[in-house]
Amino acid sequence: MATLPQDVTSAAEWIAGALQHSGYQADFSPQSLAEIDRFIDDHWSDGRARPGGLLADALGHKLFALGAYVGRDHSARAGRELAGRR
């Protein structure tokens, strides 16, 4: 069984690849956070996933992965590693 930090890393890397495949620049750079914002704008409206959009299915998994991506980017820029509870 994976630890929380391993799950976060795996989810962040998975969503980065999925975003890149869909045409978003998801390279963990500070500039890529604007791409995360653009992705959400493109696939979220009025408090819910747009029908047929990339958030229309497996929403919880994808939101966790997006949060992991943002957290990993923020932690890396702060010079810290993500930590899990024991």
C-alpha atoms as a PDB file:
ATOM      1  CA  MET A   1       0.000   0.000   0.000  1.00  0.00           C
ATOM      2  CA  ALA A   2       1.321   3.423  -0.952  1.00  0.00           C
ATOM      3  CA  THR A   3       1.810   6.256   1.513  1.00  0.00           C
ATOM      4  CA  LEU A   4       0.001   9.571   1.171  1.00  0.00           C
ATOM      5  CA  PRO A   5       3.110  11.345  -0.191  1.00  0.00           C
ATOM      6  CA  GLN A   6       3.477   8.560  -2.772  1.00  0.00           C
ATOM      7  CA  ASP A   7      -0.196   8.906  -3.743  1.00  0.00           C
ATOM      8  CA  VAL A   8       0.202  12.673  -4.067  1.00  0.00           C
ATOM      9  CA  THR A   9       3.295  12.337  -6.247  1.00  0.00           C
ATOM     10  CA  SER A  10       1.671   9.681  -8.405  1.00  0.00           C
ATOM     11  CA  ALA A  11      -1.528  11.708  -8.829  1.00  0.00           C
ATOM     12  CA  ALA A  12       0.384  14.907  -9.651  1.00  0.00           C
ATOM     13  CA  GLU A  13       2.476  13.135 -12.282  1.00  0.00           C
ATOM     14  CA  TRP A  14      -0.601  11.415 -13.742  1.00  0.00           C
ATOM     15  CA  ILE A  15      -2.571  14.651 -14.084  1.00  0.00           C
ATOM     16  CA  ALA A  16       0.455  16.454 -15.547  1.00  0.00           C
ATOM     17  CA  GLY A  17       0.641  13.819 -18.284  1.00  0.00           C
ATOM     18  CA  ALA A  18      -3.115  13.917 -18.887  1.00  0.00           C
ATOM     19  CA  LEU A  19      -3.071  17.715 -19.096  1.00  0.00           C
ATOM     20  CA  GLN A  20      -0.127  17.698 -21.498  1.00  0.00           C
ATOM     21  CA  HIS A  21      -1.923  15.141 -23.649  1.00  0.00           C
ATOM     22  CA  SER A  22      -4.894  17.523 -23.770  1.00  0.00           C
ATOM     23  CA  GLY A  23      -2.783  20.500 -24.841  1.00  0.00           C
ATOM     24  CA  TYR A  24      -2.088  22.182 -21.513  1.00  0.00           C
ATOM     25  CA  GLN A  25       1.436  23.114 -20.385  1.00  0.00           C
ATOM     26  CA  ALA A  26       1.749  21.116 -17.174  1.00  0.00           C
ATOM     27  CA  ASP A  27       5.452  21.006 -16.389  1.00  0.00           C
ATOM     28  CA  PHE A  28       5.365  21.993 -12.695  1.00  0.00           C
ATOM     29  CA  SER A  29       6.679  25.468 -13.521  1.00  0.00           C
ATOM     30  CA  PRO A  30       5.121  28.496 -11.817  1.00  0.00           C
ATOM     31  CA  GLN A  31       3.647  29.459 -15.201  1.00  0.00           C
ATOM     32  CA  SER A  32       1.860  26.120 -15.418  1.00  0.00           C
ATOM     33  CA  LEU A  33      -0.470  27.156 -12.604  1.00  0.00           C
ATOM     34  CA  ALA A  34      -2.139  29.494 -15.098  1.00  0.00           C
ATOM     35  CA  GLU A  35      -2.700  26.406 -17.262  1.00  0.00           C
ATOM     36  CA  ILE A  36      -4.408  24.668 -14.332  1.00  0.00           C
ATOM     37  CA  ASP A  37      -6.658  27.710 -14.020  1.00  0.00           C
ATOM     38  CA  ARG A  38      -7.369  27.628 -17.766  1.00  0.00           C
ATOM     39  CA  PHE A  39      -8.160  23.913 -17.591  1.00  0.00           C
ATOM     40  CA  ILE A  40     -10.670  24.487 -14.793  1.00  0.00           C
ATOM     41  CA  ASP A  41     -12.223  27.405 -16.696  1.00  0.00           C
ATOM     42  CA  ASP A  42     -12.504  25.195 -19.777  1.00  0.00           C
ATOM     43  CA  HIS A  43     -14.141  22.258 -17.966  1.00  0.00           C
ATOM     44  CA  TRP A  44     -16.059  23.759 -15.013  1.00  0.00           C
ATOM     45  CA  SER A  45     -19.049  26.091 -15.056  1.00  0.00           C
ATOM     46  CA  ASP A  46     -21.656  27.253 -12.569  1.00  0.00           C
ATOM     47  CA  GLY A  47     -20.261  25.131  -9.746  1.00  0.00           C
ATOM     48  CA  ARG A  48     -20.143  21.853 -11.650  1.00  0.00           C
ATOM     49  CA  ALA A  49     -18.265  19.955 -14.315  1.00  0.00           C
ATOM     50  CA  ARG A  50     -19.296  20.800 -17.863  1.00  0.00           C
ATOM     51  CA  PRO A  51     -21.160  17.885 -19.473  1.00  0.00           C
ATOM     52  CA  GLY A  52     -18.816  16.069 -21.841  1.00  0.00           C
ATOM     53  CA  GLY A  53     -15.793  17.939 -20.466  1.00  0.00           C
ATOM     54  CA  LEU A  54     -12.667  16.368 -19.052  1.00  0.00           C
ATOM     55  CA  LEU A  55     -14.001  16.697 -15.491  1.00  0.00           C
ATOM     56  CA  ALA A  56     -17.349  15.067 -16.300  1.00  0.00           C
ATOM     57  CA  ASP A  57     -16.244  11.663 -14.998  1.00  0.00           C
ATOM     58  CA  ALA A  58     -14.000  10.544 -12.117  1.00  0.00           C
ATOM     59  CA  LEU A  59     -14.315  14.041 -10.679  1.00  0.00           C
ATOM     60  CA  GLY A  60     -13.019  13.221  -7.192  1.00  0.00           C
ATOM     61  CA  HIS A  61      -9.935  11.484  -8.569  1.00  0.00           C
ATOM     62  CA  LYS A  62      -9.182  14.371 -10.924  1.00  0.00           C
ATOM     63  CA  LEU A  63      -9.718  17.044  -8.270  1.00  0.00           C
ATOM     64  CA  PHE A  64      -7.377  15.177  -5.909  1.00  0.00           C
ATOM     65  CA  ALA A  65      -4.813  15.005  -8.699  1.00  0.00           C
ATOM     66  CA  LEU A  66      -5.165  18.723  -9.496  1.00  0.00           C
ATOM     67  CA  GLY A  67      -4.726  19.545  -5.812  1.00  0.00           C
ATOM     68  CA  ALA A  68      -1.684  17.280  -5.698  1.00  0.00           C
ATOM     69  CA  TYR A  69      -0.226  19.047  -8.741  1.00  0.00           C
ATOM     70  CA  VAL A  70      -0.725  22.498  -7.218  1.00  0.00           C
ATOM     71  CA  GLY A  71       0.601  21.354  -3.831  1.00  0.00           C
ATOM     72  CA  ARG A  72       3.654  19.752  -5.387  1.00  0.00           C
ATOM     73  CA  ASP A  73       4.398  22.876  -7.416  1.00  0.00           C
ATOM     74  CA  HIS A  74       3.967  25.145  -4.391  1.00  0.00           C
ATOM     75  CA  SER A  75       6.068  22.907  -2.136  1.00  0.00           C
ATOM     76  CA  ALA A  76       8.850  22.661  -4.708  1.00  0.00           C
ATOM     77  CA  ARG A  77       9.024  26.446  -5.075  1.00  0.00           C
ATOM     78  CA  ALA A  78       9.153  26.787  -1.288  1.00  0.00           C
ATOM     79  CA  GLY A  79      12.016  24.277  -1.177  1.00  0.00           C
ATOM     80  CA  ARG A  80      10.016  21.742   0.800  1.00  0.00           C
ATOM     81  CA  GLU A  81       8.787  18.217   0.301  1.00  0.00           C
ATOM     82  CA  LEU A  82       5.202  17.144   0.797  1.00  0.00           C
ATOM     83  CA  ALA A  83       4.773  15.344   4.071  1.00  0.00           C
ATOM     84  CA  GLY A  84       2.156  12.821   5.075  1.00  0.00           C
ATOM     85  CA  ARG A  85       0.693  12.095   8.457  1.00  0.00           C
ATOM     86  CA  ARG A  86       1.829   8.938  10.137  1.00  0.00           C
END
